[in-house]
Amino acid sequence: MRIIEVEQRKLESIENYILSFFNQKNRQRILTKEIFNSTGAFSNADLVRAFEDLEKHWRLLVRYTDEGNDWISLTPEGLKYADVSRYDDGVAPLPHPPKSSTINGRT
Protein backbone atom coordinates (compact mmCIF):
# COMPACT_ATOMS: atom_id res chain seq x y z
CA MET A 1 0.00 0.00 0.00
CA ARG A 2 1.33 3.41 -0.89
CA ILE A 3 1.87 6.16 1.67
CA ILE A 4 -0.69 8.39 -0.04
CA GLU A 5 -3.38 5.72 0.35
CA VAL A 6 -2.55 5.29 4.04
CA GLU A 7 -2.71 9.05 4.63
CA GLN A 8 -6.03 9.27 2.74
CA ARG A 9 -7.54 6.52 4.88
CA LYS A 10 -6.31 8.27 8.02
CA LEU A 11 -7.85 11.56 6.87
CA GLU A 12 -11.16 9.84 6.09
CA SER A 13 -11.16 8.26 9.54
CA ILE A 14 -10.63 11.63 11.22
CA GLU A 15 -13.30 13.27 9.05
CA ASN A 16 -15.77 10.54 10.00
CA TYR A 17 -14.91 11.12 13.67
CA ILE A 18 -15.60 14.87 13.31
CA LEU A 19 -18.95 14.33 11.58
CA SER A 20 -19.99 11.70 14.13
CA PHE A 21 -19.05 14.17 16.91
CA PHE A 22 -21.51 16.67 15.42
CA ASN A 23 -24.11 13.89 15.19
CA GLN A 24 -23.63 12.84 18.81
CA LYS A 25 -23.94 16.43 20.03
CA ASN A 26 -26.78 17.12 17.57
CA ARG A 27 -25.50 20.66 17.06
CA GLN A 28 -24.77 22.71 13.96
CA ARG A 29 -21.73 24.49 15.39
CA ILE A 30 -19.08 23.46 17.87
CA LEU A 31 -16.07 25.16 19.39
CA THR A 32 -12.95 23.67 17.84
CA LYS A 33 -11.47 23.16 21.30
CA GLU A 34 -14.37 20.79 22.11
CA ILE A 35 -13.22 18.48 19.35
CA PHE A 36 -9.55 18.89 20.26
CA ASN A 37 -10.36 17.93 23.87
CA SER A 38 -12.67 15.06 22.91
CA THR A 39 -10.03 12.56 21.85
CA GLY A 40 -6.40 11.64 22.22
CA ALA A 41 -6.57 9.37 19.17
CA PHE A 42 -5.72 12.20 16.75
CA SER A 43 -3.30 15.09 17.01
CA ASN A 44 -4.63 18.63 16.80
CA ALA A 45 -2.69 19.05 13.54
CA ASP A 46 -4.45 16.02 12.04
CA LEU A 47 -7.82 17.37 13.16
CA VAL A 48 -7.05 20.74 11.56
CA ARG A 49 -6.12 19.01 8.28
CA ALA A 50 -9.46 17.20 8.40
CA PHE A 51 -11.30 20.50 9.11
CA GLU A 52 -9.58 22.01 6.07
CA ASP A 53 -10.50 19.08 3.82
CA LEU A 54 -14.11 19.05 5.01
CA GLU A 55 -14.29 22.80 4.39
CA LYS A 56 -12.39 23.25 1.14
CA HIS A 57 -12.86 19.94 -0.65
CA TRP A 58 -16.21 18.65 0.58
CA ARG A 59 -17.84 21.98 1.60
CA LEU A 60 -19.44 20.28 4.62
CA LEU A 61 -18.29 22.76 7.24
CA VAL A 62 -17.10 26.31 7.73
CA ARG A 63 -14.41 27.50 10.13
CA TYR A 64 -14.66 30.97 11.62
CA THR A 65 -13.86 33.09 14.67
CA ASP A 66 -16.53 34.83 16.70
CA GLU A 67 -15.67 37.02 19.70
CA GLY A 68 -12.24 35.38 19.98
CA ASN A 69 -13.53 31.80 19.84
CA ASP A 70 -12.72 29.42 16.99
CA TRP A 71 -15.81 27.61 15.72
CA ILE A 72 -16.66 25.03 13.11
CA SER A 73 -20.19 25.00 11.73
CA LEU A 74 -21.86 22.54 9.43
CA THR A 75 -23.12 23.82 6.08
CA PRO A 76 -26.63 22.76 4.99
CA GLU A 77 -24.98 19.84 3.13
CA GLY A 78 -22.95 19.01 6.23
CA LEU A 79 -26.09 18.94 8.36
CA LYS A 80 -27.58 16.33 6.03
CA TYR A 81 -24.37 14.31 5.80
CA ALA A 82 -23.84 14.26 9.59
CA ASP A 83 -27.57 13.66 10.16
CA VAL A 84 -27.88 16.63 12.51
CA SER A 85 -31.40 17.94 12.94
CA ARG A 86 -30.81 20.82 15.36
CA TYR A 87 -30.14 24.21 13.82
CA ASP A 88 -28.42 26.73 16.06
CA ASP A 89 -29.89 30.19 16.50
CA GLY A 90 -28.55 32.87 14.21
CA VAL A 91 -27.39 32.78 10.64
CA ALA A 92 -24.74 30.25 9.76
CA PRO A 93 -21.63 31.80 8.21
CA LEU A 94 -21.27 31.38 4.48
CA PRO A 95 -18.28 29.43 3.20
CA HIS A 96 -15.58 31.33 1.42
CA PRO A 97 -15.49 30.77 -2.34
CA PRO A 98 -12.85 28.30 -3.48
CA LYS A 99 -9.66 29.93 -4.75
CA SER A 100 -10.30 28.64 -8.25
CA SER A 101 -13.42 30.84 -8.44
CA THR A 102 -11.59 34.01 -7.46
CA ILE A 103 -9.25 36.21 -9.43
CA ASN A 104 -5.62 35.58 -8.45
CA GLY A 105 -6.80 33.97 -5.21
CA ARG A 106 -8.59 37.17 -4.12
CA THR A 107 -12.29 37.86 -3.84
C-alpha atoms as a PDB file:
ATOM      1  CA  MET A   1       0.000   0.000   0.000  1.00  0.00           C
ATOM      2  CA  ARG A   2       1.325   3.408  -0.892  1.00  0.00           C
ATOM      3  CA  ILE A   3       1.865   6.160   1.671  1.00  0.00           C
ATOM      4  CA  ILE A   4      -0.685   8.387  -0.038  1.00  0.00           C
ATOM      5  CA  GLU A   5      -3.375   5.722   0.349  1.00  0.00           C
ATOM      6  CA  VAL A   6      -2.552   5.290   4.036  1.00  0.00           C
ATOM      7  CA  GLU A   7      -2.713   9.049   4.629  1.00  0.00           C
ATOM      8  CA  GLN A   8      -6.028   9.273   2.740  1.00  0.00           C
ATOM      9  CA  ARG A   9      -7.537   6.516   4.875  1.00  0.00           C
ATOM     10  CA  LYS A  10      -6.311   8.265   8.018  1.00  0.00           C
ATOM     11  CA  LEU A  11      -7.848  11.560   6.874  1.00  0.00           C
ATOM     12  CA  GLU A  12     -11.162   9.842   6.092  1.00  0.00           C
ATOM     13  CA  SER A  13     -11.163   8.256   9.544  1.00  0.00           C
ATOM     14  CA  ILE A  14     -10.630  11.631  11.220  1.00  0.00           C
ATOM     15  CA  GLU A  15     -13.303  13.275   9.054  1.00  0.00           C
ATOM     16  CA  ASN A  16     -15.766  10.538  10.000  1.00  0.00           C
ATOM     17  CA  TYR A  17     -14.910  11.123  13.669  1.00  0.00           C
ATOM     18  CA  ILE A  18     -15.598  14.865  13.314  1.00  0.00           C
ATOM     19  CA  LEU A  19     -18.946  14.325  11.577  1.00  0.00           C
ATOM     20  CA  SER A  20     -19.986  11.701  14.126  1.00  0.00           C
ATOM     21  CA  PHE A  21     -19.049  14.171  16.906  1.00  0.00           C
ATOM     22  CA  PHE A  22     -21.511  16.665  15.421  1.00  0.00           C
ATOM     23  CA  ASN A  23     -24.110  13.894  15.189  1.00  0.00           C
ATOM     24  CA  GLN A  24     -23.633  12.838  18.811  1.00  0.00           C
ATOM     25  CA  LYS A  25     -23.940  16.432  20.031  1.00  0.00           C
ATOM     26  CA  ASN A  26     -26.784  17.123  17.570  1.00  0.00           C
ATOM     27  CA  ARG A  27     -25.503  20.657  17.058  1.00  0.00           C
ATOM     28  CA  GLN A  28     -24.769  22.715  13.960  1.00  0.00           C
ATOM     29  CA  ARG A  29     -21.735  24.492  15.391  1.00  0.00           C
ATOM     30  CA  ILE A  30     -19.079  23.463  17.869  1.00  0.00           C
ATOM     31  CA  LEU A  31     -16.065  25.161  19.391  1.00  0.00           C
ATOM     32  CA  THR A  32     -12.951  23.672  17.839  1.00  0.00           C
ATOM     33  CA  LYS A  33     -11.466  23.157  21.298  1.00  0.00           C
ATOM     34  CA  GLU A  34     -14.371  20.793  22.110  1.00  0.00           C
ATOM     35  CA  ILE A  35     -13.224  18.483  19.350  1.00  0.00           C
ATOM     36  CA  PHE A  36      -9.545  18.894  20.261  1.00  0.00           C
ATOM     37  CA  ASN A  37     -10.358  17.926  23.869  1.00  0.00           C
ATOM     38  CA  SER A  38     -12.672  15.060  22.910  1.00  0.00           C
ATOM     39  CA  THR A  39     -10.030  12.556  21.853  1.00  0.00           C
ATOM     40  CA  GLY A  40      -6.402  11.636  22.215  1.00  0.00           C
ATOM     41  CA  ALA A  41      -6.571   9.373  19.175  1.00  0.00           C
ATOM     42  CA  PHE A  42      -5.720  12.200  16.750  1.00  0.00           C
ATOM     43  CA  SER A  43      -3.304  15.092  17.013  1.00  0.00           C
ATOM     44  CA  ASN A  44      -4.629  18.631  16.795  1.00  0.00           C
ATOM     45  CA  ALA A  45      -2.693  19.055  13.540  1.00  0.00           C
ATOM     46  CA  ASP A  46      -4.450  16.015  12.036  1.00  0.00           C
ATOM     47  CA  LEU A  47      -7.821  17.374  13.158  1.00  0.00           C
ATOM     48  CA  VAL A  48      -7.051  20.744  11.559  1.00  0.00           C
ATOM     49  CA  ARG A  49      -6.121  19.014   8.283  1.00  0.00           C
ATOM     50  CA  ALA A  50      -9.462  17.204   8.404  1.00  0.00           C
ATOM     51  CA  PHE A  51     -11.302  20.496   9.107  1.00  0.00           C
ATOM     52  CA  GLU A  52      -9.583  22.011   6.068  1.00  0.00           C
ATOM     53  CA  ASP A  53     -10.500  19.082   3.824  1.00  0.00           C
ATOM     54  CA  LEU A  54     -14.113  19.048   5.010  1.00  0.00           C
ATOM     55  CA  GLU A  55     -14.292  22.797   4.394  1.00  0.00           C
ATOM     56  CA  LYS A  56     -12.393  23.247   1.144  1.00  0.00           C
ATOM     57  CA  HIS A  57     -12.855  19.938  -0.646  1.00  0.00           C
ATOM     58  CA  TRP A  58     -16.208  18.654   0.578  1.00  0.00           C
ATOM     59  CA  ARG A  59     -17.841  21.977   1.598  1.00  0.00           C
ATOM     60  CA  LEU A  60     -19.443  20.279   4.618  1.00  0.00           C
ATOM     61  CA  LEU A  61     -18.294  22.757   7.238  1.00  0.00           C
ATOM     62  CA  VAL A  62     -17.097  26.314   7.734  1.00  0.00           C
ATOM     63  CA  ARG A  63     -14.410  27.503  10.132  1.00  0.00           C
ATOM     64  CA  TYR A  64     -14.663  30.973  11.624  1.00  0.00           C
ATOM     65  CA  THR A  65     -13.856  33.085  14.671  1.00  0.00           C
ATOM     66  CA  ASP A  66     -16.530  34.834  16.701  1.00  0.00           C
ATOM     67  CA  GLU A  67     -15.671  37.020  19.701  1.00  0.00           C
ATOM     68  CA  GLY A  68     -12.236  35.385  19.979  1.00  0.00           C
ATOM     69  CA  ASN A  69     -13.530  31.798  19.844  1.00  0.00           C
ATOM     70  CA  ASP A  70     -12.725  29.421  16.994  1.00  0.00           C
ATOM     71  CA  TRP A  71     -15.810  27.608  15.718  1.00  0.00           C
ATOM     72  CA  ILE A  72     -16.664  25.026  13.106  1.00  0.00           C
ATOM     73  CA  SER A  73     -20.190  25.002  11.734  1.00  0.00           C
ATOM     74  CA  LEU A  74     -21.862  22.537   9.427  1.00  0.00           C
ATOM     75  CA  THR A  75     -23.123  23.825   6.084  1.00  0.00           C
ATOM     76  CA  PRO A  76     -26.626  22.755   4.986  1.00  0.00           C
ATOM     77  CA  GLU A  77     -24.978  19.839   3.127  1.00  0.00           C
ATOM     78  CA  GLY A  78     -22.949  19.014   6.230  1.00  0.00           C
ATOM     79  CA  LEU A  79     -26.093  18.939   8.364  1.00  0.00           C
ATOM     80  CA  LYS A  80     -27.578  16.335   6.026  1.00  0.00           C
ATOM     81  CA  TYR A  81     -24.367  14.311   5.798  1.00  0.00           C
ATOM     82  CA  ALA A  82     -23.844  14.260   9.592  1.00  0.00           C
ATOM     83  CA  ASP A  83     -27.571  13.658  10.159  1.00  0.00           C
ATOM     84  CA  VAL A  84     -27.881  16.631  12.507  1.00  0.00           C
ATOM     85  CA  SER A  85     -31.399  17.945  12.936  1.00  0.00           C
ATOM     86  CA  ARG A  86     -30.814  20.817  15.359  1.00  0.00           C
ATOM     87  CA  TYR A  87     -30.136  24.206  13.818  1.00  0.00           C
ATOM     88  CA  ASP A  88     -28.423  26.732  16.058  1.00  0.00           C
ATOM     89  CA  ASP A  89     -29.889  30.191  16.504  1.00  0.00           C
ATOM     90  CA  GLY A  90     -28.549  32.866  14.210  1.00  0.00           C
ATOM     91  CA  VAL A  91     -27.392  32.776  10.641  1.00  0.00           C
ATOM     92  CA  ALA A  92     -24.737  30.246   9.762  1.00  0.00           C
ATOM     93  CA  PRO A  93     -21.633  31.803   8.210  1.00  0.00           C
ATOM     94  CA  LEU A  94     -21.272  31.382   4.483  1.00  0.00           C
ATOM     95  CA  PRO A  95     -18.283  29.429   3.204  1.00  0.00           C
ATOM     96  CA  HIS A  96     -15.579  31.330   1.416  1.00  0.00           C
ATOM     97  CA  PRO A  97     -15.488  30.772  -2.339  1.00  0.00           C
ATOM     98  CA  PRO A  98     -12.850  28.303  -3.480  1.00  0.00           C
ATOM     99  CA  LYS A  99      -9.662  29.928  -4.755  1.00  0.00           C
ATOM    100  CA  SER A 100     -10.301  28.642  -8.252  1.00  0.00           C
ATOM    101  CA  SER A 101     -13.417  30.837  -8.442  1.00  0.00           C
ATOM    102  CA  THR A 102     -11.593  34.010  -7.463  1.00  0.00           C
ATOM    103  CA  ILE A 103      -9.251  36.205  -9.427  1.00  0.00           C
ATOM    104  CA  ASN A 104      -5.616  35.580  -8.453  1.00  0.00           C
ATOM    105  CA  GLY A 105      -6.803  33.967  -5.215  1.00  0.00           C
ATOM    106  CA  ARG A 106      -8.592  37.169  -4.118  1.00  0.00           C
ATOM    107  CA  THR A 107     -12.285  37.857  -3.835  1.00  0.00           C
END
